[in-house]
Amino acid sequence: MRAMQNRLKELRERAGMSQEALGDKVGASKQQISMLENGHRRLTQDWLVKLSQALGVSVAHLLGEAPTTSPPASEVRPADDHQPIAAGVLPRDVPVLGTAVGGAAGDFEVNGDVVDMVRRPPGLAGAKGIFALYVQNDSMAPWRMPGGLVYINPNKPARPGDHVVVELKASDGEPRPAFLKKLVSLGGSSIRLEQYNPPRDDLYTPANLIHRILRVIEWEEMLGI
């Protein structure tokens, strides 16, 4: 197999991380990180985004297509809604509000607590109100693996075919249970949902139990492509 060149080892060592520590941040084993560094495992778009976020660099830096140093502050233009900027100069200002588990209903509670802050993707420069969640199990694999992030934009409506976090109603003052799935259809007395592992596309949730449906932002939108 032809090696896939990248700067992963260089950037990991520069960040003072072991292979095991980096693996913990992106939900991978030490062996997987070693194979990625050696080019014996392909750097998919999913890997590129997760690793670049964990290391605080741009995807271009990771692939060796740009210098590993950040540009001078004088060369960094302010972001706006229409001008994505490089990931390496974006702020770590997106709150992680909890943990979403891609399993049965109620595996995740939306309680508003900020458990972490993560870097803003370049395609979301200037976007208001976005937040992120950590995924904990593999029922939505391979779309999202355990330990991965999902970014949420509460300002855009979900459509059939979107991946979503479905937030259920709760008693006053209580955290709202929620779950991570793919939206198959809306309308009528219930919504239909799909999960990937094990495969099921016949999961129904009564509409009168739903507080809101939050659309997950996909990689293309986050990268501004």
Protein backbone atom coordinates (compact mmCIF):
# COMPACT_ATOMS: atom_id res chain seq x y z
CA MET A 1 0.00 0.00 0.00
CA ARG A 2 1.43 3.39 -0.97
CA ALA A 3 2.02 5.63 2.04
CA MET A 4 -0.22 8.67 2.41
CA GLN A 5 2.07 11.55 3.42
CA ASN A 6 0.99 13.85 6.23
CA ARG A 7 2.40 15.88 9.13
CA LEU A 8 0.44 14.11 11.85
CA LYS A 9 3.49 12.83 13.76
CA GLU A 10 5.29 16.18 13.52
CA LEU A 11 2.26 18.14 14.70
CA ARG A 12 1.44 15.66 17.47
CA GLU A 13 4.98 15.87 18.85
CA ARG A 14 4.95 19.66 18.53
CA ALA A 15 1.76 19.67 20.65
CA GLY A 16 3.50 17.50 23.26
CA MET A 17 1.07 14.59 22.86
CA SER A 18 1.73 10.89 22.84
CA GLN A 19 -0.05 8.67 20.30
CA GLU A 20 -2.23 7.39 23.13
CA ALA A 21 -3.15 10.92 24.28
CA LEU A 22 -4.10 12.00 20.77
CA GLY A 23 -6.10 8.80 20.33
CA ASP A 24 -8.04 9.58 23.51
CA LYS A 25 -8.99 13.01 22.12
CA VAL A 26 -10.31 11.65 18.82
CA GLY A 27 -11.74 8.31 19.94
CA ALA A 28 -9.02 6.12 18.44
CA SER A 29 -6.46 3.59 19.66
CA LYS A 30 -2.69 4.16 19.81
CA GLN A 31 -2.35 1.64 16.98
CA GLN A 32 -4.80 3.56 14.77
CA ILE A 33 -2.88 6.80 15.31
CA SER A 34 0.38 5.01 14.44
CA MET A 35 -1.12 3.68 11.18
CA LEU A 36 -2.41 7.15 10.28
CA GLU A 37 1.01 8.69 10.95
CA ASN A 38 2.74 6.07 8.82
CA GLY A 39 0.29 6.50 5.97
CA HIS A 40 -0.92 2.91 6.27
CA ARG A 41 -4.48 4.04 6.99
CA ARG A 42 -6.25 6.57 4.78
CA LEU A 43 -6.94 10.01 6.22
CA THR A 44 -10.64 10.34 5.44
CA GLN A 45 -12.44 13.65 5.74
CA ASP A 46 -13.75 12.54 9.13
CA TRP A 47 -10.21 11.83 10.38
CA LEU A 48 -8.87 15.08 8.94
CA VAL A 49 -11.42 17.21 10.77
CA LYS A 50 -11.13 15.39 14.10
CA LEU A 51 -7.31 15.36 14.09
CA SER A 52 -6.95 18.96 12.97
CA GLN A 53 -9.34 20.08 15.73
CA ALA A 54 -7.51 18.01 18.36
CA LEU A 55 -4.15 19.49 17.33
CA GLY A 56 -5.42 23.04 16.79
CA VAL A 57 -4.23 23.25 13.18
CA SER A 58 -5.84 23.49 9.76
CA VAL A 59 -6.48 20.51 7.51
CA ALA A 60 -3.96 22.01 5.07
CA HIS A 61 -1.30 21.97 7.79
CA LEU A 62 -2.07 18.35 8.57
CA LEU A 63 -1.70 17.32 4.94
CA GLY A 64 1.52 19.31 4.52
CA GLU A 65 -0.07 21.74 2.08
CA ALA A 66 0.63 24.85 4.19
CA PRO A 67 3.30 26.07 6.63
CA THR A 68 2.82 24.82 10.19
CA THR A 69 3.12 28.31 11.63
CA SER A 70 0.10 30.60 11.88
CA PRO A 71 0.03 33.79 9.80
CA PRO A 72 0.86 37.10 11.49
CA ALA A 73 -2.08 38.75 13.21
CA SER A 74 -1.85 41.65 10.73
CA GLU A 75 -2.70 39.22 7.91
CA VAL A 76 -5.78 37.73 9.59
CA ARG A 77 -8.98 39.40 8.41
CA PRO A 78 -12.05 39.61 10.66
CA ALA A 79 -14.59 36.86 10.00
CA ASP A 80 -18.09 37.50 8.72
CA ASP A 81 -21.02 35.30 7.70
CA HIS A 82 -19.72 34.99 4.13
CA GLN A 83 -15.94 34.76 4.59
CA PRO A 84 -14.70 31.46 6.05
CA ILE A 85 -11.17 31.66 7.44
CA ALA A 86 -8.47 29.08 8.11
CA ALA A 87 -9.09 26.68 10.99
CA GLY A 88 -5.68 27.48 12.47
CA VAL A 89 -6.74 31.05 13.28
CA LEU A 90 -10.32 30.35 14.37
CA PRO A 91 -11.20 30.75 18.05
CA ARG A 92 -11.98 27.90 20.40
CA ASP A 93 -15.38 29.40 21.22
CA VAL A 94 -17.97 26.69 20.46
CA PRO A 95 -19.41 25.24 23.68
CA VAL A 96 -19.88 21.50 24.12
CA LEU A 97 -23.17 21.27 25.99
CA GLY A 98 -23.14 17.61 26.87
CA THR A 99 -22.85 14.11 25.53
CA ALA A 100 -25.13 12.70 22.83
CA VAL A 101 -25.41 8.92 22.75
CA GLY A 102 -26.68 7.48 19.47
CA GLY A 103 -28.81 4.87 21.17
CA ALA A 104 -32.32 4.64 22.60
CA ALA A 105 -34.45 7.66 23.50
CA GLY A 106 -33.31 9.54 26.56
CA ASP A 107 -29.61 8.60 26.45
CA PHE A 108 -28.59 12.27 26.43
CA GLU A 109 -29.83 15.12 28.61
CA VAL A 110 -29.83 18.71 27.34
CA ASN A 111 -29.09 20.55 30.57
CA GLY A 112 -27.16 23.55 29.26
CA ASP A 113 -23.95 22.70 31.14
CA VAL A 114 -20.78 23.57 29.21
CA VAL A 115 -18.40 20.59 29.49
CA ASP A 116 -15.77 21.78 27.00
CA MET A 117 -14.95 24.44 24.41
CA VAL A 118 -13.95 23.39 20.88
CA ARG A 119 -12.59 25.17 17.83
CA ARG A 120 -14.99 26.89 15.43
CA PRO A 121 -14.95 25.24 11.98
CA PRO A 122 -13.98 27.58 9.12
CA GLY A 123 -17.34 27.31 7.36
CA LEU A 124 -19.13 28.57 10.50
CA ALA A 125 -17.22 31.81 11.01
CA GLY A 126 -19.77 34.34 12.25
CA ALA A 127 -22.56 31.79 12.79
CA LYS A 128 -24.58 32.48 15.94
CA GLY A 129 -25.77 30.01 18.56
CA ILE A 130 -23.94 26.89 17.36
CA PHE A 131 -22.87 24.28 19.89
CA ALA A 132 -21.38 20.78 19.91
CA LEU A 133 -21.94 17.41 21.55
CA TYR A 134 -19.65 14.42 22.15
CA VAL A 135 -20.84 11.05 20.82
CA GLN A 136 -20.31 8.13 23.17
CA ASN A 137 -21.37 4.89 21.49
CA ASP A 138 -21.32 3.34 18.03
CA SER A 139 -24.99 3.15 17.03
CA MET A 140 -24.41 5.92 14.44
CA ALA A 141 -21.09 4.47 13.20
CA PRO A 142 -19.47 4.83 10.74
CA TRP A 143 -21.05 8.28 10.28
CA ARG A 144 -19.84 9.28 13.75
CA MET A 145 -17.56 7.17 15.91
CA PRO A 146 -17.40 7.13 19.73
CA GLY A 147 -15.61 10.21 21.01
CA GLY A 148 -16.40 12.23 17.88
CA LEU A 149 -18.06 15.62 17.81
CA VAL A 150 -21.31 16.71 16.28
CA TYR A 151 -21.94 20.41 15.71
CA ILE A 152 -25.49 21.74 15.99
CA ASN A 153 -27.05 24.79 14.31
CA PRO A 154 -30.36 25.49 16.11
CA ASN A 155 -31.21 28.27 13.63
CA LYS A 156 -31.74 26.03 10.57
CA PRO A 157 -34.72 23.67 10.29
CA ALA A 158 -34.13 19.95 9.94
CA ARG A 159 -35.27 18.18 6.77
CA PRO A 160 -35.69 14.49 5.94
CA GLY A 161 -32.23 13.09 5.25
CA ASP A 162 -30.53 15.28 7.87
CA HIS A 163 -28.80 13.88 10.93
CA VAL A 164 -30.52 15.32 13.99
CA VAL A 165 -30.61 15.51 17.75
CA VAL A 166 -34.22 15.00 18.82
CA GLU A 167 -34.90 16.76 22.11
CA LEU A 168 -37.90 15.55 24.08
CA LYS A 169 -40.17 17.47 26.43
CA ALA A 170 -39.57 17.35 30.18
CA SER A 171 -41.06 18.62 33.41
CA ASP A 172 -40.33 22.23 34.33
CA GLY A 173 -36.76 22.60 35.51
CA GLU A 174 -35.74 19.09 34.50
CA PRO A 175 -33.10 18.33 31.82
CA ARG A 176 -34.66 17.32 28.51
CA PRO A 177 -33.77 13.81 27.25
CA ALA A 178 -32.53 13.62 23.67
CA PHE A 179 -31.05 11.21 21.14
CA LEU A 180 -28.98 11.28 17.97
CA LYS A 181 -30.39 9.78 14.76
CA LYS A 182 -31.06 10.38 11.04
CA LEU A 183 -34.41 11.96 10.18
CA VAL A 184 -36.35 9.85 7.68
CA SER A 185 -39.71 11.66 7.61
CA LEU A 186 -41.76 14.35 9.35
CA GLY A 187 -45.48 14.89 9.60
CA GLY A 188 -48.54 13.31 11.14
CA SER A 189 -48.55 12.06 14.70
CA SER A 190 -44.91 10.90 14.74
CA ILE A 191 -41.51 11.28 13.12
CA ARG A 192 -39.56 8.40 11.62
CA LEU A 193 -35.87 7.97 12.42
CA GLU A 194 -32.94 5.78 11.37
CA GLN A 195 -29.84 4.45 13.11
CA TYR A 196 -26.85 2.73 11.49
CA ASN A 197 -25.56 0.16 13.97
CA PRO A 198 -27.46 -2.12 14.16
CA PRO A 199 -29.30 -0.89 11.04
CA ARG A 200 -32.86 0.27 11.68
CA ASP A 201 -34.99 2.75 9.77
CA ASP A 202 -38.31 2.13 11.52
CA LEU A 203 -37.84 4.09 14.74
CA TYR A 204 -40.86 6.28 15.48
CA THR A 205 -41.23 9.07 18.05
CA PRO A 206 -44.64 10.64 18.82
CA ALA A 207 -44.71 14.27 17.72
CA ASN A 208 -46.43 15.38 20.92
CA LEU A 209 -43.39 14.27 22.96
CA ILE A 210 -40.88 16.33 20.95
CA HIS A 211 -39.58 19.66 22.21
CA ARG A 212 -37.45 20.41 19.15
CA ILE A 213 -35.45 18.74 16.37
CA LEU A 214 -31.90 20.09 15.98
CA ARG A 215 -30.03 19.72 12.70
CA VAL A 216 -26.46 18.40 12.81
CA ILE A 217 -24.03 20.37 10.63
CA GLU A 218 -22.26 18.11 8.15
CA TRP A 219 -18.51 18.26 7.35
CA GLU A 220 -18.93 20.01 3.99
CA GLU A 221 -20.78 22.92 5.59
CA MET A 222 -18.33 23.09 8.49
CA LEU A 223 -15.38 23.25 6.10
CA GLY A 224 -17.05 25.86 3.88
CA ILE A 225 -17.00 23.70 0.74
